[in-house]
Protein backbone atom coordinates (compact mmCIF):
# COMPACT_ATOMS: atom_id res chain seq x y z
CA UNK A 1 0.77 -29.21 -17.97
CA UNK A 2 -1.48 -26.58 -17.22
CA UNK A 3 0.07 -22.70 -18.03
CA UNK A 4 0.86 -20.82 -15.29
CA UNK A 5 0.25 -16.93 -15.56
CA UNK A 6 1.95 -15.20 -12.92
CA UNK A 7 3.30 -11.06 -12.43
CA UNK A 8 6.69 -9.95 -12.13
CA UNK A 9 8.52 -7.91 -11.10
CA UNK A 10 10.25 -6.38 -14.45
CA UNK A 11 10.21 -2.55 -14.71
CA UNK A 12 5.91 -1.80 -14.97
CA UNK A 13 4.08 0.68 -16.94
CA UNK A 14 2.17 3.50 -15.51
CA UNK A 15 1.85 5.90 -12.52
CA UNK A 16 2.03 5.08 -8.99
CA UNK A 17 0.18 6.50 -6.15
CA UNK A 18 0.75 5.93 -2.33
CA UNK A 19 -1.68 6.73 -0.16
CA UNK A 20 0.02 7.27 3.38
CA UNK A 21 -1.14 8.11 6.68
CA UNK A 22 -0.22 10.89 8.43
CA UNK A 23 -0.91 9.55 12.15
CA UNK A 24 2.00 7.27 13.71
CA UNK A 25 4.28 9.32 11.31
CA UNK A 26 7.03 7.47 12.88
CA UNK A 27 5.82 3.92 11.50
CA UNK A 28 4.23 5.35 8.11
CA UNK A 29 7.07 7.12 6.74
CA UNK A 30 9.54 4.21 7.14
CA UNK A 31 6.78 2.28 5.12
CA UNK A 32 7.15 5.19 2.42
CA UNK A 33 10.54 5.61 1.93
CA UNK A 34 10.56 1.43 1.99
CA UNK A 35 7.47 1.51 -1.06
CA UNK A 36 9.76 4.33 -2.70
CA UNK A 37 12.57 2.33 -2.67
CA UNK A 38 10.85 -0.70 -4.19
CA UNK A 39 9.36 1.43 -7.19
CA UNK A 40 12.77 2.80 -7.91
CA UNK A 41 14.74 -0.06 -7.75
CA UNK A 42 12.62 -1.59 -10.18
CA UNK A 43 12.14 0.68 -12.64
CA UNK A 44 9.80 3.90 -11.72
CA UNK A 45 10.79 6.96 -12.13
CA UNK A 46 10.10 9.49 -9.31
CA UNK A 47 7.85 11.69 -11.91
CA UNK A 48 5.50 8.35 -12.32
CA UNK A 49 5.10 8.74 -8.53
CA UNK A 50 2.55 10.68 -6.07
CA UNK A 51 2.72 10.40 -2.61
CA UNK A 52 -0.88 11.66 -0.98
CA UNK A 53 -0.74 12.29 2.64
CA UNK A 54 -4.32 11.56 4.32
CA UNK A 55 -4.89 12.02 8.52
CA UNK A 56 -4.94 9.01 9.55
CA UNK A 57 -5.59 4.94 8.23
CA UNK A 58 -9.45 5.52 8.69
CA UNK A 59 -9.42 8.08 6.09
CA UNK A 60 -7.63 6.15 3.82
CA UNK A 61 -10.20 3.63 2.07
CA UNK A 62 -11.63 6.90 0.88
CA UNK A 63 -8.83 8.71 -1.34
CA UNK A 64 -8.01 4.94 -2.34
CA UNK A 65 -10.97 4.56 -4.26
CA UNK A 66 -11.01 7.93 -5.72
CA UNK A 67 -7.50 7.52 -6.53
CA UNK A 68 -8.20 3.67 -8.12
CA UNK A 69 -11.33 4.70 -10.11
CA UNK A 70 -9.99 8.04 -11.72
CA UNK A 71 -7.88 6.43 -14.50
CA UNK A 72 -4.57 7.70 -13.88
CA UNK A 73 -2.60 5.12 -12.06
CA UNK A 74 -1.97 1.73 -12.55
CA UNK A 75 -2.23 1.16 -8.83
CA UNK A 76 -2.59 2.64 -5.59
CA UNK A 77 -0.64 1.08 -2.13
CA UNK A 78 -2.08 1.96 0.80
CA UNK A 79 -0.02 2.93 3.40
CA UNK A 80 -0.79 3.26 7.68
CA UNK A 81 0.06 2.26 10.99
CA UNK A 82 -3.45 1.82 13.60
CA UNK A 83 -1.36 0.13 17.65
CA UNK A 84 -3.28 -1.48 20.28
CA UNK A 85 -4.25 0.95 23.07
CA UNK A 86 -6.61 0.65 26.11
CA UNK A 87 -9.83 1.18 24.27
CA UNK A 88 -11.26 -0.40 21.76
CA UNK A 89 -10.54 1.97 19.24
CA UNK A 90 -7.96 0.47 17.75
CA UNK A 91 -10.80 -2.40 16.77
CA UNK A 92 -12.86 -0.29 14.87
CA UNK A 93 -9.94 2.11 12.82
CA UNK A 94 -7.96 -1.42 12.00
CA UNK A 95 -11.25 -3.28 10.89
CA UNK A 96 -12.76 0.49 8.81
CA UNK A 97 -9.51 0.48 7.19
CA UNK A 98 -8.96 -3.20 5.91
CA UNK A 99 -12.43 -3.41 4.81
CA UNK A 100 -12.65 0.07 3.60
CA UNK A 101 -9.46 -1.11 1.44
CA UNK A 102 -10.50 -4.33 0.72
CA UNK A 103 -14.08 -2.61 -0.64
CA UNK A 104 -11.88 0.18 -2.81
CA UNK A 105 -9.87 -2.92 -4.08
CA UNK A 106 -12.89 -4.41 -5.96
CA UNK A 107 -14.38 -1.30 -7.12
CA UNK A 108 -11.56 -0.16 -8.95
CA UNK A 109 -9.91 -1.48 -12.62
CA UNK A 110 -6.87 -1.12 -11.13
CA UNK A 111 -4.43 -3.39 -7.66
CA UNK A 112 -4.99 -1.34 -4.51
CA UNK A 113 -2.21 -2.86 -2.04
CA UNK A 114 -3.21 -3.09 1.48
CA UNK A 115 0.37 -1.71 3.23
CA UNK A 116 -1.74 -1.06 6.56
CA UNK A 117 -0.14 -1.89 10.04
CA UNK A 118 -2.16 -3.56 12.61
CA UNK A 119 0.45 -4.18 15.35
CA UNK A 120 -0.12 -4.37 19.65
CA UNK A 121 2.76 -2.19 20.49
CA UNK A 122 5.60 0.51 18.52
CA UNK A 123 8.22 -1.79 18.95
CA UNK A 124 6.24 -4.35 16.82
CA UNK A 125 5.20 -1.94 14.10
CA UNK A 126 8.82 -0.36 13.64
CA UNK A 127 10.32 -3.79 13.33
CA UNK A 128 7.55 -4.28 10.24
CA UNK A 129 8.77 -1.27 9.08
CA UNK A 130 12.28 -1.71 8.61
CA UNK A 131 13.74 -3.19 11.24
CA UNK A 132 13.57 -6.26 12.34
CA UNK A 133 10.80 -8.31 10.24
CA UNK A 134 12.34 -6.18 6.84
CA UNK A 135 10.08 -3.19 5.12
CA UNK A 136 6.02 -4.12 4.73
CA UNK A 137 6.03 -1.03 2.78
CA UNK A 138 8.73 -2.19 0.29
CA UNK A 139 6.50 -5.44 0.20
CA UNK A 140 3.17 -3.77 -0.32
CA UNK A 141 5.14 -1.65 -3.35
CA UNK A 142 6.98 -4.91 -4.86
CA UNK A 143 3.13 -6.44 -5.02
CA UNK A 144 1.81 -3.73 -6.62
CA UNK A 145 4.12 -3.85 -9.46
CA UNK A 146 3.86 -7.56 -9.26
CA UNK A 147 0.13 -6.97 -10.40
CA UNK A 148 0.19 -4.29 -12.39
CA UNK A 149 2.53 -6.71 -14.68
CA UNK A 150 -0.01 -9.64 -14.25
CA UNK A 151 -2.98 -7.86 -15.20
CA UNK A 152 -0.73 -6.60 -18.47
CA UNK A 153 -0.07 -10.34 -19.12
CA UNK A 154 -4.02 -11.05 -18.48
CA UNK A 155 -4.92 -8.52 -20.85
């Protein structure tokens, strides 16, 4: 039988960064609270967490790349919210954030976790930020912990 290697949610090593957009802060602040809750529940103390605020989702990838390549963090959690409007602005911002975070993750030597909501309505976003559909910020931070622990096992 093959050996399976996977991460876990045991207390992880290192510092963690949360890059959180200020735009749609009603939603993003809830995602950030969820991410902080997950980190704390899994043994990451506040003195090992930095929250970096950026104007919007479009600006997240640049900061995530810088933090991910800087050598100071075990993982970077990216949180934002893009809500569809009446123009194609949504498509451009959501695509740039998604592609930029993916690119940053490929370049960094640490996990860079995608926690940007892309929703049709504010109601959908609120459901994913702690109402009916759980808190995607919490899930993103838990993913960061699992990936950090997986990388420790692989080294």
